[in-house]
Amino acid sequence: MRIDSMETSELLKKVRKIEIKTRGLSRNIFAGQYHSAFKGRGMAFSEVREYQFGDDIRDIDWNVTARYNRPYVKIFEEERELTVMLMIDVSGSKDFGSARVMKKEIMTEVAATLAFSAIQNNDKIGVIFFSDRIEKFIPPQKGKKHILYIIRELLDFEPQNKQTDISQALKYLTNAIKKRCTTFLISDFIDHKSYKDALTIANRKHDVVAIQVYDHRETELPAIGLMKIKDAESGAERWIDSSSAHVRKAYHDWWTKRQSEMADAFKKSRVDSVSIQTEDDYVRALISLFDQRNYVNK
């Protein structure tokens, strides 16, 4: 698809805006927590270096520290280069939002923040865009040029399909990335098929973290009378009477059941997760996720 010069200029402005915001967040807030929460343990020892702010105190080499009278930490092979994959759900339901932002915007900012965290830790970062097919695969690389390319794609990528198949995307990850990596699966998890088995297999090979982004209007219907609703992924439309308490309860029960099934899939596959509402502070949610993993790793 051809983009004229004005559209290109607007896109570059958006890229610059999100770069400034998310790079600052990842540098000032997540640096130390990211390092200890997502770096692997038990890897082959490589070398030692002087302790730096944010290093995990569990990695201090006490023999070398005593010899030089200042703290040194052990560096493990995986810590020198971790591969981080972002799995981004680009199905039709991402374009929903009842407040000031759509789910797509929050997903983009979360992904960009994590990407800058990876780059600042000298890690490789790659992306898998998926719907009910693999829409695009960006192989893991380092560097600012690469991350700006990723942000541009996060902002401007248009999928061919609208539906969702998380299971297929996870199978692709398992086959495409040979070396163990940390994977952030960012989605609203609206998928009519089960993805629990694929999630379990993927998490055995990699370190998978699930990030759900949803809108509060998806959790309940407003009592406003007759309204036409449309499935963003299938395109199906129907009229419902939202003034009916029975209709609203049935919808709320559907949402509760779906959330319960999602939580059960995460628990049984041993995948850490966090849910972020579009009106929530996603920074606080990510910090909570990092803290949770740090606590478990201790």
Protein backbone atom coordinates (compact mmCIF):
# COMPACT_ATOMS: atom_id res chain seq x y z
CA MET A 1 0.00 0.00 0.00
CA ARG A 2 1.46 3.38 -1.05
CA ILE A 3 1.65 6.14 1.55
CA ASP A 4 1.91 9.74 0.32
CA SER A 5 4.34 12.27 1.83
CA MET A 6 1.74 13.79 4.20
CA GLU A 7 0.77 10.38 5.58
CA THR A 8 4.44 9.51 5.94
CA SER A 9 5.08 12.74 7.85
CA GLU A 10 2.16 12.06 10.21
CA LEU A 11 3.37 8.51 10.79
CA LEU A 12 6.88 9.72 11.62
CA LYS A 13 5.41 12.19 14.12
CA LYS A 14 3.49 9.35 15.78
CA VAL A 15 6.63 7.22 15.84
CA ARG A 16 8.61 10.04 17.45
CA LYS A 17 5.87 10.72 20.01
CA ILE A 18 5.59 7.12 21.14
CA GLU A 19 9.39 6.77 21.12
CA ILE A 20 9.80 9.69 23.54
CA LYS A 21 7.07 8.42 25.86
CA THR A 22 7.90 4.73 25.98
CA ARG A 23 11.69 5.05 25.90
CA GLY A 24 11.52 7.29 28.97
CA LEU A 25 9.28 4.83 30.78
CA SER A 26 11.50 1.87 30.07
CA ARG A 27 14.68 3.75 31.05
CA ASN A 28 13.43 5.40 34.23
CA ILE A 29 11.01 2.82 35.60
CA PHE A 30 11.62 -0.67 34.27
CA ALA A 31 15.39 -1.01 33.82
CA GLY A 32 16.28 -2.81 37.05
CA GLN A 33 13.00 -4.71 37.34
CA TYR A 34 13.13 -5.90 33.75
CA HIS A 35 16.65 -7.22 34.22
CA SER A 36 15.87 -9.33 37.28
CA ALA A 37 12.37 -10.38 36.21
CA PHE A 38 13.11 -11.66 32.73
CA LYS A 39 16.75 -12.70 32.69
CA GLY A 40 17.22 -16.44 32.94
CA ARG A 41 18.81 -18.12 35.92
CA GLY A 42 21.18 -21.06 35.92
CA MET A 43 22.94 -20.28 32.64
CA ALA A 44 26.63 -20.91 31.98
CA PHE A 45 28.96 -18.55 33.80
CA SER A 46 30.81 -16.23 31.44
CA GLU A 47 32.69 -13.47 33.30
CA VAL A 48 32.52 -10.93 36.14
CA ARG A 49 32.19 -7.17 36.11
CA GLU A 50 31.72 -4.42 38.67
CA TYR A 51 28.29 -4.13 40.24
CA GLN A 52 25.96 -1.59 38.57
CA PHE A 53 22.73 -0.09 39.88
CA GLY A 54 19.84 -2.46 39.14
CA ASP A 55 21.95 -5.64 39.17
CA ASP A 56 20.53 -8.59 41.09
CA ILE A 57 22.43 -8.95 44.39
CA ARG A 58 22.08 -12.73 44.02
CA ASP A 59 24.64 -12.53 41.23
CA ILE A 60 27.38 -10.99 43.40
CA ASP A 61 30.63 -12.97 43.28
CA TRP A 62 31.70 -12.74 46.90
CA ASN A 63 35.22 -14.12 46.31
CA VAL A 64 36.06 -11.49 43.69
CA THR A 65 34.29 -8.82 45.76
CA ALA A 66 36.46 -9.64 48.78
CA ARG A 67 39.62 -9.65 46.66
CA TYR A 68 39.06 -6.18 45.17
CA ASN A 69 37.12 -4.69 48.10
CA ARG A 70 34.24 -3.57 45.88
CA PRO A 71 31.24 -5.53 44.59
CA TYR A 72 31.45 -7.63 41.42
CA VAL A 73 28.67 -9.64 39.80
CA LYS A 74 28.71 -12.80 37.72
CA ILE A 75 27.63 -12.52 34.10
CA PHE A 76 25.89 -15.51 32.58
CA GLU A 77 25.80 -16.31 28.88
CA GLU A 78 22.07 -15.67 28.49
CA GLU A 79 22.32 -12.41 30.41
CA ARG A 80 24.72 -11.03 27.83
CA GLU A 81 22.12 -11.54 25.11
CA LEU A 82 18.49 -12.41 25.68
CA THR A 83 16.04 -12.78 22.83
CA VAL A 84 12.69 -11.07 23.44
CA MET A 85 9.69 -11.74 21.21
CA LEU A 86 6.53 -9.64 21.08
CA MET A 87 3.47 -11.55 19.89
CA ILE A 88 0.92 -8.91 18.90
CA ASP A 89 -2.74 -9.73 18.27
CA VAL A 90 -3.81 -7.64 15.27
CA SER A 91 -7.27 -9.18 14.81
CA GLY A 92 -10.37 -7.03 14.31
CA SER A 93 -11.29 -6.77 17.99
CA LYS A 94 -8.19 -4.65 18.72
CA ASP A 95 -9.97 -1.64 17.17
CA PHE A 96 -12.55 -1.42 19.97
CA GLY A 97 -12.54 1.29 22.61
CA SER A 98 -15.36 3.01 24.48
CA ALA A 99 -13.33 5.70 26.25
CA ARG A 100 -10.48 7.93 25.09
CA VAL A 101 -8.31 5.15 23.64
CA MET A 102 -8.71 1.92 21.71
CA LYS A 103 -7.20 -1.39 22.72
CA LYS A 104 -4.77 -1.13 19.79
CA GLU A 105 -3.23 2.08 21.20
CA ILE A 106 -2.59 0.56 24.63
CA MET A 107 -1.20 -2.62 23.07
CA THR A 108 1.15 -0.50 20.96
CA GLU A 109 2.43 1.51 23.93
CA VAL A 110 2.93 -1.59 26.07
CA ALA A 111 4.80 -3.32 23.25
CA ALA A 112 6.99 -0.28 22.57
CA THR A 113 7.84 0.09 26.27
CA LEU A 114 8.90 -3.56 26.48
CA ALA A 115 10.87 -3.23 23.25
CA PHE A 116 12.86 -0.27 24.57
CA SER A 117 13.49 -2.18 27.82
CA ALA A 118 14.95 -5.02 25.79
CA ILE A 119 17.16 -2.76 23.69
CA GLN A 120 18.45 -0.91 26.77
CA ASN A 121 19.48 -4.28 28.21
CA ASN A 122 21.33 -5.08 24.97
CA ASP A 123 18.84 -7.82 24.08
CA LYS A 124 17.50 -8.78 20.70
CA ILE A 125 13.86 -7.96 19.99
CA GLY A 126 11.54 -9.48 17.40
CA VAL A 127 7.81 -9.39 16.63
CA ILE A 128 5.10 -11.76 15.45
CA PHE A 129 1.91 -10.06 14.25
CA PHE A 130 -0.96 -12.55 14.17
CA SER A 131 -4.69 -12.81 13.49
CA ASP A 132 -5.95 -16.27 12.55
CA ARG A 133 -2.76 -16.48 10.50
CA ILE A 134 0.78 -15.23 10.87
CA GLU A 135 0.48 -11.75 9.42
CA LYS A 136 4.15 -10.72 9.73
CA PHE A 137 7.35 -11.97 11.35
CA ILE A 138 10.15 -9.53 12.23
CA PRO A 139 13.26 -11.54 13.18
CA PRO A 140 15.01 -10.56 16.44
CA GLN A 141 17.73 -7.93 16.09
CA LYS A 142 19.39 -5.21 18.14
CA GLY A 143 19.71 -1.47 17.65
CA LYS A 144 17.71 1.74 17.55
CA LYS A 145 17.04 1.55 13.81
CA HIS A 146 15.46 -1.86 14.31
CA ILE A 147 13.29 -0.74 17.22
CA LEU A 148 12.02 2.32 15.34
CA TYR A 149 11.08 0.01 12.48
CA ILE A 150 9.13 -2.12 14.98
CA ILE A 151 7.31 0.94 16.37
CA ARG A 152 6.42 2.07 12.87
CA GLU A 153 4.93 -1.36 12.18
CA LEU A 154 3.07 -1.36 15.51
CA LEU A 155 1.44 1.93 14.54
CA ASP A 156 0.77 1.33 10.88
CA PHE A 157 0.46 -2.41 10.25
CA GLU A 158 -2.79 -3.50 8.58
CA PRO A 159 -3.62 -7.22 8.82
CA GLN A 160 -5.15 -9.21 5.98
CA ASN A 161 -7.49 -11.19 8.26
CA LYS A 162 -9.74 -10.15 11.14
CA GLN A 163 -10.21 -13.31 13.21
CA THR A 164 -8.00 -14.80 15.95
CA ASP A 165 -6.05 -18.03 16.36
CA ILE A 166 -3.72 -17.78 19.36
CA SER A 167 -2.89 -21.47 19.21
CA GLN A 168 -1.55 -21.23 15.67
CA ALA A 169 0.55 -18.20 16.58
CA LEU A 170 2.09 -20.04 19.56
CA LYS A 171 2.91 -23.05 17.39
CA TYR A 172 4.67 -20.73 14.95
CA LEU A 173 6.70 -19.22 17.82
CA THR A 174 7.71 -22.68 19.05
CA ASN A 175 8.92 -23.71 15.58
CA ALA A 176 10.45 -20.41 14.42
CA ILE A 177 12.51 -19.43 17.47
CA LYS A 178 15.01 -22.17 18.28
CA LYS A 179 16.82 -20.57 21.22
CA ARG A 180 14.91 -20.06 24.47
CA CYS A 181 13.46 -16.56 24.62
CA THR A 182 11.17 -14.37 26.70
CA THR A 183 7.88 -13.89 24.87
CA PHE A 184 5.22 -11.29 25.64
CA LEU A 185 1.86 -12.42 24.24
CA ILE A 186 -0.19 -9.21 23.96
CA SER A 187 -3.85 -9.79 23.11
CA ASP A 188 -7.44 -9.34 24.29
CA PHE A 189 -7.62 -13.17 24.22
CA ILE A 190 -10.96 -13.17 22.42
CA ASP A 191 -10.55 -16.53 20.73
CA HIS A 192 -13.33 -19.07 20.27
CA LYS A 193 -10.84 -21.95 20.20
CA SER A 194 -8.78 -23.33 23.09
CA TYR A 195 -5.13 -22.29 23.19
CA LYS A 196 -4.19 -23.95 26.51
CA ASP A 197 -2.24 -26.87 25.00
CA ALA A 198 -0.27 -24.66 22.61
CA LEU A 199 0.45 -22.25 25.47
CA THR A 200 1.73 -25.08 27.67
CA ILE A 201 4.06 -26.37 24.95
CA ALA A 202 5.35 -22.89 24.11
CA ASN A 203 6.02 -22.09 27.78
CA ARG A 204 8.02 -25.29 28.21
CA LYS A 205 10.42 -24.14 25.52
CA HIS A 206 10.29 -20.39 26.13
CA ASP A 207 9.37 -18.01 28.94
CA VAL A 208 5.89 -16.83 27.93
CA VAL A 209 4.19 -13.89 29.64
CA ALA A 210 0.55 -13.07 28.81
CA ILE A 211 -0.68 -9.47 28.74
CA GLN A 212 -4.43 -9.04 28.27
CA VAL A 213 -5.73 -5.66 27.09
CA TYR A 214 -9.48 -5.10 27.32
CA ASP A 215 -12.08 -2.32 27.48
CA HIS A 216 -14.51 -1.98 30.40
CA ARG A 217 -17.47 -1.86 27.98
CA GLU A 218 -16.62 -5.44 27.00
CA THR A 219 -17.41 -6.58 30.53
CA GLU A 220 -21.05 -5.42 30.63
CA LEU A 221 -23.77 -3.91 28.46
CA PRO A 222 -25.21 -0.43 29.12
CA ALA A 223 -28.98 -0.29 29.64
CA ILE A 224 -29.79 1.90 26.62
CA GLY A 225 -32.51 -0.10 24.90
CA LEU A 226 -32.32 -1.52 21.38
CA MET A 227 -28.81 -1.52 19.97
CA LYS A 228 -27.04 -3.10 17.04
CA ILE A 229 -23.86 -4.97 17.88
CA LYS A 230 -21.25 -6.18 15.43
CA ASP A 231 -18.61 -8.84 15.82
CA ALA A 232 -15.43 -7.04 14.72
CA GLU A 233 -13.81 -10.31 13.66
CA SER A 234 -16.62 -12.16 11.86
CA GLY A 235 -18.59 -9.10 10.73
CA ALA A 236 -21.86 -10.62 12.00
CA GLU A 237 -24.47 -8.10 13.19
CA ARG A 238 -27.52 -8.47 15.41
CA TRP A 239 -30.00 -6.34 17.35
CA ILE A 240 -30.31 -6.79 21.11
CA ASP A 241 -32.46 -5.18 23.79
CA SER A 242 -29.94 -3.97 26.35
CA SER A 243 -32.73 -2.67 28.62
CA SER A 244 -33.48 -6.31 29.42
CA ALA A 245 -31.87 -7.40 32.70
CA HIS A 246 -31.81 -10.96 31.34
CA VAL A 247 -29.83 -9.91 28.25
CA ARG A 248 -27.36 -7.89 30.32
CA LYS A 249 -26.88 -10.78 32.77
CA ALA A 250 -26.33 -13.25 29.95
CA TYR A 251 -23.68 -11.00 28.45
CA HIS A 252 -21.96 -10.48 31.81
CA ASP A 253 -22.03 -14.24 32.46
CA TRP A 254 -20.39 -14.82 29.07
CA TRP A 255 -17.60 -12.36 29.94
CA THR A 256 -17.05 -13.88 33.40
CA LYS A 257 -16.91 -17.40 31.94
CA ARG A 258 -14.44 -16.34 29.27
CA GLN A 259 -12.17 -14.63 31.82
CA SER A 260 -12.31 -17.71 34.03
CA GLU A 261 -11.32 -19.97 31.13
CA MET A 262 -8.45 -17.63 30.24
CA ALA A 263 -7.17 -17.56 33.83
CA ASP A 264 -7.41 -21.35 34.00
CA ALA A 265 -5.36 -21.68 30.80
CA PHE A 266 -2.66 -19.40 32.23
CA LYS A 267 -2.58 -21.27 35.53
CA LYS A 268 -2.38 -24.77 34.03
CA SER A 269 0.28 -23.74 31.52
CA ARG A 270 2.25 -21.94 34.29
CA VAL A 271 2.23 -18.65 32.38
CA ASP A 272 2.55 -15.37 34.30
CA SER A 273 -0.08 -12.84 33.27
CA VAL A 274 -1.52 -9.37 33.81
CA SER A 275 -4.79 -7.80 32.64
CA ILE A 276 -4.84 -4.14 31.62
CA GLN A 277 -8.03 -2.15 31.07
CA THR A 278 -7.78 0.62 28.48
CA GLU A 279 -8.54 3.25 31.13
CA ASP A 280 -5.99 1.80 33.58
CA ASP A 281 -2.41 2.91 34.14
CA TYR A 282 -0.53 0.25 32.19
CA VAL A 283 2.75 1.38 33.78
CA ARG A 284 1.48 0.35 37.21
CA ALA A 285 0.23 -2.96 35.81
CA LEU A 286 3.61 -3.76 34.24
CA ILE A 287 5.47 -2.84 37.43
CA SER A 288 3.14 -5.17 39.34
CA LEU A 289 3.91 -7.94 36.85
CA PHE A 290 7.67 -7.37 37.20
CA ASP A 291 7.41 -7.32 41.00
CA GLN A 292 5.45 -10.56 40.95
CA ARG A 293 8.15 -12.29 38.91
CA ASN A 294 10.95 -10.84 41.01
CA TYR A 295 9.27 -12.20 44.15
CA VAL A 296 8.91 -15.68 42.63
CA ASN A 297 12.54 -15.67 41.43
CA LYS A 298 13.90 -14.88 44.89
